[in-house]
């Protein structure tokens, strides 16, 4: 048998073989690099996080999420509204850039005078990913006595910016985004209700005094959350059993004179110990759930462990030769931790872990 002849590779590698993805094409080509693809919840959360950031910055008191019968989801807030004037450099409406450019937004300048001092990260790809992976998206901004509306399909503008004067019945300020997620990008098209409910409830917990509402048109169900007591109220409601000792809660935030941290950076926490049930352990950074933990959780656990260990050693509470380990302290511990970080670095776009 003769040896097989060498064959030339079918494709040449030349200047013309290099493809440059523009606009939102990278998201459509590789959605898993930018969001969860098991269901559309995360692209809805991107819009929700913007509304939460407005409230966190002190510019909103109400957030409403509506699940419509046509499969779309709308998020409304009473924040400042997305600016709709022309960007000085790009010469395009700012509201259009926010939804069509991967790195456009008000969260890059985190210093004093920026639009947001504390927000859920610096990726700058949030709602543009929502737009890219939606069949249709409608964005409406209420601002300066005007109502500005844009419509997109598959990430592209199909109805250009339309401005009109606000009339009776319009909100004075705020933003409404209604999105129809494109099922071809997701394994399941339905939103996981338990996860969505938990997410909305946690936003209300972390923003005392802000009202968060969920409306399900199909069932006419309406749920509203507003917490005055913040973390303590939430943890007491979610504990699997009564705490065996009083709750340990505290907070610490840097002032303007601090050398190592920016003004306002810090954390608040609430910790409980129970004998029975599955412990509750939740952490957040700038209102973003960090289900995979991170350095803020490590700091809390280490601080509590060192405090307990110091007390045990001081009073000689353990027999000689017995060593106290972190798992001994945290085996029955439940906690809720909320950190504010000026420039958070997350692992991945879905921001599940603080680095």
Protein backbone atom coordinates (compact mmCIF):
# COMPACT_ATOMS: atom_id res chain seq x y z
CA UNK A 1 0.00 0.00 0.00
CA UNK A 2 1.38 3.39 -0.94
CA UNK A 3 1.73 6.14 1.63
CA UNK A 4 -1.13 8.66 1.65
CA UNK A 5 -0.37 11.86 -0.18
CA UNK A 6 -0.06 15.01 1.85
CA UNK A 7 -2.99 17.31 1.31
CA UNK A 8 -3.04 21.08 1.49
CA UNK A 9 -5.15 22.55 4.28
CA UNK A 10 -8.53 23.55 2.85
CA UNK A 11 -8.35 27.15 4.05
CA UNK A 12 -5.60 29.70 3.52
CA UNK A 13 -4.52 31.79 6.48
CA UNK A 14 -4.12 35.29 5.11
CA UNK A 15 -5.10 38.89 5.80
CA UNK A 16 -8.51 38.24 4.32
CA UNK A 17 -9.20 35.35 6.72
CA UNK A 18 -9.20 37.59 9.78
CA UNK A 19 -12.70 38.59 10.83
CA UNK A 20 -13.33 41.59 13.03
CA UNK A 21 -16.51 41.37 15.09
CA UNK A 22 -18.19 44.74 15.48
CA UNK A 23 -20.85 46.17 17.75
CA UNK A 24 -22.79 43.42 19.50
CA UNK A 25 -21.61 40.61 17.19
CA UNK A 26 -19.21 39.15 19.81
CA UNK A 27 -22.14 38.64 22.20
CA UNK A 28 -24.28 36.92 19.57
CA UNK A 29 -21.39 34.70 18.47
CA UNK A 30 -20.34 33.64 21.99
CA UNK A 31 -23.14 34.50 24.44
CA UNK A 32 -21.71 32.20 27.10
CA UNK A 33 -18.72 34.53 27.49
CA UNK A 34 -21.01 37.35 28.58
CA UNK A 35 -23.94 35.79 30.44
CA UNK A 36 -25.55 32.63 31.70
CA UNK A 37 -27.23 30.72 28.90
CA UNK A 38 -29.30 28.20 30.88
CA UNK A 39 -32.13 30.77 30.99
CA UNK A 40 -32.58 34.52 30.37
CA UNK A 41 -32.57 35.57 34.03
CA UNK A 42 -29.12 37.11 33.96
CA UNK A 43 -29.85 39.41 31.01
CA UNK A 44 -32.94 40.60 32.90
CA UNK A 45 -30.80 41.04 36.01
CA UNK A 46 -28.47 43.33 34.05
CA UNK A 47 -31.36 45.78 33.60
CA UNK A 48 -32.48 45.31 37.19
CA UNK A 49 -28.97 46.06 38.42
CA UNK A 50 -29.05 49.41 36.63
CA UNK A 51 -32.27 50.31 38.45
CA UNK A 52 -30.75 49.14 41.73
CA UNK A 53 -27.64 51.24 41.10
CA UNK A 54 -29.87 54.31 40.74
CA UNK A 55 -31.46 53.55 44.10
CA UNK A 56 -28.07 52.81 45.66
CA UNK A 57 -26.90 56.24 44.48
CA UNK A 58 -29.92 57.81 46.23
CA UNK A 59 -31.94 58.60 43.10
CA UNK A 60 -34.80 56.10 43.27
CA UNK A 61 -37.27 54.57 45.69
CA UNK A 62 -39.30 52.18 43.51
CA UNK A 63 -38.46 49.27 41.19
CA UNK A 64 -41.15 47.28 39.40
CA UNK A 65 -40.65 44.08 37.40
CA UNK A 66 -43.51 42.79 35.23
CA UNK A 67 -43.66 39.39 33.54
CA UNK A 68 -45.93 39.94 30.54
CA UNK A 69 -48.12 37.29 28.92
CA UNK A 70 -46.23 37.63 25.61
CA UNK A 71 -43.00 36.38 27.21
CA UNK A 72 -41.41 39.79 27.63
CA UNK A 73 -40.20 41.31 30.90
CA UNK A 74 -40.25 44.98 31.80
CA UNK A 75 -38.27 46.76 34.50
CA UNK A 76 -39.36 50.21 35.67
CA UNK A 77 -37.67 52.58 38.10
CA UNK A 78 -38.06 56.16 39.28
CA UNK A 79 -34.40 57.07 38.95
CA UNK A 80 -32.93 59.90 36.91
CA UNK A 81 -33.68 58.40 33.50
CA UNK A 82 -31.03 57.55 30.91
CA UNK A 83 -29.66 60.68 29.18
CA UNK A 84 -30.84 60.93 25.59
CA UNK A 85 -28.81 63.86 24.29
CA UNK A 86 -25.96 63.44 21.80
CA UNK A 87 -22.70 62.08 23.19
CA UNK A 88 -20.03 64.79 22.71
CA UNK A 89 -17.57 62.40 21.05
CA UNK A 90 -19.71 59.70 19.45
CA UNK A 91 -22.35 62.13 18.11
CA UNK A 92 -25.12 59.62 18.83
CA UNK A 93 -27.87 59.62 21.49
CA UNK A 94 -26.45 58.40 24.79
CA UNK A 95 -29.43 56.10 25.35
CA UNK A 96 -28.64 54.40 22.04
CA UNK A 97 -24.96 53.93 22.93
CA UNK A 98 -25.88 52.38 26.28
CA UNK A 99 -27.77 49.58 24.52
CA UNK A 100 -25.56 49.10 21.45
CA UNK A 101 -21.97 49.50 22.68
CA UNK A 102 -20.30 46.93 24.91
CA UNK A 103 -18.35 49.51 26.88
CA UNK A 104 -20.66 52.47 27.27
CA UNK A 105 -22.18 53.61 30.54
CA UNK A 106 -21.94 55.88 33.55
CA UNK A 107 -20.05 53.44 35.77
CA UNK A 108 -16.48 53.88 34.59
CA UNK A 109 -15.77 57.14 36.44
CA UNK A 110 -16.08 55.92 40.02
CA UNK A 111 -14.58 58.98 41.68
CA UNK A 112 -16.38 61.97 43.08
CA UNK A 113 -18.52 63.59 40.44
CA UNK A 114 -19.09 60.36 38.52
CA UNK A 115 -22.61 59.20 37.78
CA UNK A 116 -22.18 56.22 40.11
CA UNK A 117 -19.77 55.95 43.03
CA UNK A 118 -20.76 52.37 43.81
CA UNK A 119 -22.15 50.02 41.19
CA UNK A 120 -22.06 46.36 40.29
CA UNK A 121 -18.77 46.28 38.43
CA UNK A 122 -16.70 47.78 35.67
CA UNK A 123 -17.38 45.50 32.73
CA UNK A 124 -19.65 48.04 31.07
CA UNK A 125 -21.37 45.41 28.95
CA UNK A 126 -24.58 44.98 30.98
CA UNK A 127 -27.70 46.11 29.14
CA UNK A 128 -25.99 45.92 25.76
CA UNK A 129 -25.84 42.15 26.31
CA UNK A 130 -29.55 42.19 27.15
CA UNK A 131 -30.20 43.99 23.88
CA UNK A 132 -27.96 41.69 21.82
CA UNK A 133 -29.72 38.55 23.06
CA UNK A 134 -33.29 39.88 22.75
CA UNK A 135 -35.59 39.62 19.75
CA UNK A 136 -36.93 43.04 20.64
CA UNK A 137 -36.16 45.65 23.27
CA UNK A 138 -37.94 48.91 24.05
CA UNK A 139 -36.20 51.56 26.14
CA UNK A 140 -38.06 54.58 27.49
CA UNK A 141 -36.47 57.37 29.51
CA UNK A 142 -38.38 60.00 31.50
CA UNK A 143 -36.15 63.00 32.08
CA UNK A 144 -36.19 66.81 32.06
CA UNK A 145 -39.91 66.97 31.26
CA UNK A 146 -39.47 64.81 28.16
CA UNK A 147 -40.11 61.18 27.21
CA UNK A 148 -37.49 59.52 24.99
CA UNK A 149 -38.10 56.12 23.39
CA UNK A 150 -35.99 53.77 21.28
CA UNK A 151 -36.82 50.33 19.85
CA UNK A 152 -34.30 47.63 18.96
CA UNK A 153 -34.59 44.26 17.24
CA UNK A 154 -31.78 41.71 17.50
CA UNK A 155 -29.62 44.47 18.95
CA UNK A 156 -30.13 46.94 16.08
CA UNK A 157 -32.11 50.18 16.18
CA UNK A 158 -35.38 49.74 14.29
CA UNK A 159 -37.19 52.81 15.60
CA UNK A 160 -34.90 55.77 16.08
CA UNK A 161 -35.02 58.02 19.10
CA UNK A 162 -38.42 59.66 19.45
CA UNK A 163 -38.85 62.60 21.80
CA UNK A 164 -42.08 64.05 23.12
CA UNK A 165 -43.11 66.27 25.98
CA UNK A 166 -44.26 64.50 29.10
CA UNK A 167 -48.01 64.59 29.67
CA UNK A 168 -50.25 63.86 32.61
CA UNK A 169 -49.78 60.23 33.62
CA UNK A 170 -46.11 60.08 32.62
CA UNK A 171 -43.52 59.64 35.32
CA UNK A 172 -41.44 62.69 36.19
CA UNK A 173 -38.24 60.69 35.97
CA UNK A 174 -37.10 57.12 35.52
CA UNK A 175 -36.49 54.40 32.99
CA UNK A 176 -38.57 51.54 31.58
CA UNK A 177 -36.92 48.70 29.67
CA UNK A 178 -39.02 45.94 28.12
CA UNK A 179 -37.16 42.98 26.64
CA UNK A 180 -38.21 39.91 24.67
CA UNK A 181 -35.33 37.42 25.18
CA UNK A 182 -34.46 35.40 22.05
CA UNK A 183 -34.96 31.73 22.92
CA UNK A 184 -32.29 30.57 20.45
CA UNK A 185 -29.59 31.76 22.85
CA UNK A 186 -30.91 29.94 25.92
CA UNK A 187 -31.46 26.33 26.98
CA UNK A 188 -34.81 27.29 28.53
CA UNK A 189 -36.89 30.34 27.69
CA UNK A 190 -38.79 30.66 30.98
CA UNK A 191 -37.41 32.64 33.90
CA UNK A 192 -36.85 30.56 37.08
CA UNK A 193 -39.45 32.06 39.39
CA UNK A 194 -37.86 30.98 42.68
CA UNK A 195 -34.52 32.50 41.68
CA UNK A 196 -36.13 35.69 40.38
CA UNK A 197 -38.19 36.11 43.54
CA UNK A 198 -35.13 35.61 45.74
CA UNK A 199 -33.17 38.13 43.66
CA UNK A 200 -35.86 40.81 43.94
CA UNK A 201 -36.34 40.20 47.64
CA UNK A 202 -32.60 40.50 48.26
CA UNK A 203 -32.49 43.83 46.42
CA UNK A 204 -35.17 45.16 48.78
CA UNK A 205 -33.23 43.87 51.79
CA UNK A 206 -30.02 45.57 50.72
CA UNK A 207 -31.76 48.87 50.01
CA UNK A 208 -33.82 49.65 53.13
CA UNK A 209 -36.80 51.83 52.27
CA UNK A 210 -36.80 50.97 48.54
CA UNK A 211 -39.97 49.21 47.35
CA UNK A 212 -39.48 46.31 44.92
CA UNK A 213 -42.55 44.87 43.18
CA UNK A 214 -43.07 41.80 40.99
CA UNK A 215 -46.17 41.54 38.79
CA UNK A 216 -47.07 38.34 36.92
CA UNK A 217 -49.70 39.19 34.31
CA UNK A 218 -50.69 35.58 33.60
CA UNK A 219 -51.69 34.81 37.19
CA UNK A 220 -52.35 38.43 38.24
CA UNK A 221 -50.03 37.78 41.18
CA UNK A 222 -48.38 40.81 42.78
CA UNK A 223 -45.59 40.60 45.35
CA UNK A 224 -44.06 43.62 47.05
CA UNK A 225 -41.01 43.80 49.27
CA UNK A 226 -39.83 46.70 51.39
CA UNK A 227 -37.60 46.29 54.44
CA UNK A 228 -36.94 48.90 57.07
CA UNK A 229 -34.62 46.74 59.19
CA UNK A 230 -32.34 45.60 56.39
CA UNK A 231 -30.07 42.60 56.94
CA UNK A 232 -31.31 41.73 60.44
CA UNK A 233 -34.96 41.48 59.40
CA UNK A 234 -34.06 39.41 56.35
CA UNK A 235 -31.82 36.97 58.20
CA UNK A 236 -34.36 36.44 60.98
CA UNK A 237 -37.03 35.62 58.37
CA UNK A 238 -34.83 33.13 56.52
CA UNK A 239 -33.10 31.30 59.39
CA UNK A 240 -33.91 27.56 59.51
CA UNK A 241 -34.35 27.70 63.31
CA UNK A 242 -34.21 30.12 66.21
CA UNK A 243 -30.71 31.45 66.91
CA UNK A 244 -29.03 29.99 69.99
CA UNK A 245 -27.35 33.31 70.86
CA UNK A 246 -28.20 36.92 69.98
CA UNK A 247 -27.42 37.95 66.42
CA UNK A 248 -24.04 39.52 65.78
CA UNK A 249 -24.37 42.48 63.47
CA UNK A 250 -22.12 45.34 62.58
CA UNK A 251 -20.81 47.62 59.89
CA UNK A 252 -17.71 49.55 59.02
CA UNK A 253 -17.29 52.20 56.31
CA UNK A 254 -14.31 54.37 55.48
CA UNK A 255 -14.46 58.13 55.87
CA UNK A 256 -12.74 60.72 53.70
CA UNK A 257 -9.60 60.66 55.86
CA UNK A 258 -8.95 56.94 55.46
CA UNK A 259 -5.60 56.09 53.86
CA UNK A 260 -6.37 52.64 52.43
CA UNK A 261 -10.00 52.85 51.31
CA UNK A 262 -12.15 55.29 49.38
CA UNK A 263 -14.82 57.21 51.24
CA UNK A 264 -17.91 55.03 51.65
CA UNK A 265 -16.17 51.71 51.06
CA UNK A 266 -16.83 49.03 53.65
CA UNK A 267 -19.33 46.38 54.65
CA UNK A 268 -22.25 45.52 56.88
CA UNK A 269 -23.09 42.07 58.13
CA UNK A 270 -25.42 40.03 60.30
CA UNK A 271 -24.41 36.64 61.72
CA UNK A 272 -26.42 33.97 63.57
CA UNK A 273 -25.83 30.48 64.95
CA UNK A 274 -28.52 27.77 64.91
CA UNK A 275 -28.59 24.13 65.98
CA UNK A 276 -30.77 22.76 63.17
CA UNK A 277 -31.46 23.21 59.46
CA UNK A 278 -29.42 24.31 56.48
CA UNK A 279 -27.41 27.47 57.23
CA UNK A 280 -28.19 30.62 55.23
CA UNK A 281 -25.09 32.18 53.68
CA UNK A 282 -25.45 35.08 51.29
CA UNK A 283 -23.06 37.79 50.21
CA UNK A 284 -23.34 40.80 47.94
CA UNK A 285 -21.07 43.46 46.47
CA UNK A 286 -22.76 46.72 45.49
CA UNK A 287 -26.09 44.81 45.51
CA UNK A 288 -24.76 42.10 43.14
CA UNK A 289 -25.20 38.54 44.53
CA UNK A 290 -21.83 36.78 44.85
CA UNK A 291 -22.97 33.18 45.14
CA UNK A 292 -19.39 31.90 44.78
CA UNK A 293 -18.16 34.15 47.58
CA UNK A 294 -14.84 35.91 47.30
CA UNK A 295 -12.48 38.05 49.31
CA UNK A 296 -15.26 39.82 51.24
CA UNK A 297 -16.61 36.50 52.55
CA UNK A 298 -13.09 35.32 53.34
CA UNK A 299 -12.53 38.49 55.33
CA UNK A 300 -15.72 38.04 57.35
CA UNK A 301 -15.00 34.39 58.10
CA UNK A 302 -11.39 35.08 59.07
CA UNK A 303 -12.33 38.02 61.27
CA UNK A 304 -15.01 36.09 63.15
CA UNK A 305 -12.78 33.04 63.52
CA UNK A 306 -9.88 35.06 64.92
CA UNK A 307 -12.22 36.79 67.39
CA UNK A 308 -13.68 33.48 68.61
CA UNK A 309 -10.25 31.85 68.76
CA UNK A 310 -8.86 34.78 70.73
CA UNK A 311 -11.71 34.52 73.25
CA UNK A 312 -11.29 30.74 73.56
CA UNK A 313 -7.53 31.01 74.07
CA UNK A 314 -7.85 33.87 76.57
CA UNK A 315 -10.23 31.89 78.77
CA UNK A 316 -8.63 28.46 78.17
CA UNK A 317 -11.94 26.96 77.02
CA UNK A 318 -10.46 24.04 75.08
CA UNK A 319 -8.68 21.01 76.55
CA UNK A 320 -4.92 20.93 76.07
CA UNK A 321 -3.95 19.63 72.64
CA UNK A 322 -7.30 20.41 71.00
CA UNK A 323 -7.03 22.92 68.16
CA UNK A 324 -9.92 25.14 67.10
CA UNK A 325 -10.49 25.14 63.33
CA UNK A 326 -12.53 27.54 61.15
CA UNK A 327 -15.06 24.82 60.31
CA UNK A 328 -15.72 24.38 64.04
CA UNK A 329 -16.84 28.00 64.23
CA UNK A 330 -18.80 28.16 60.96
CA UNK A 331 -20.45 24.72 60.83
CA UNK A 332 -23.72 26.16 62.22
CA UNK A 333 -23.27 29.79 61.19
CA UNK A 334 -25.66 31.73 58.98
CA UNK A 335 -24.85 35.19 57.66
CA UNK A 336 -25.74 37.94 55.23
CA UNK A 337 -22.89 40.18 54.11
CA UNK A 338 -23.18 43.32 52.00
CA UNK A 339 -20.02 45.09 50.83
CA UNK A 340 -19.55 48.41 49.06
CA UNK A 341 -16.46 48.50 46.86
CA UNK A 342 -15.52 51.46 44.69
CA UNK A 343 -13.87 49.44 41.91
CA UNK A 344 -14.89 45.78 42.33
CA UNK A 345 -13.08 43.14 40.30
CA UNK A 346 -15.33 40.16 39.67
CA UNK A 347 -14.57 36.75 38.27
CA UNK A 348 -16.41 36.59 34.94
CA UNK A 349 -19.14 38.83 33.56
CA UNK A 350 -21.84 37.14 35.65
CA UNK A 351 -20.04 38.47 38.74
CA UNK A 352 -20.52 35.46 41.00
CA UNK A 353 -17.21 35.89 42.84
CA UNK A 354 -15.32 38.93 44.08
CA UNK A 355 -11.62 38.77 43.33
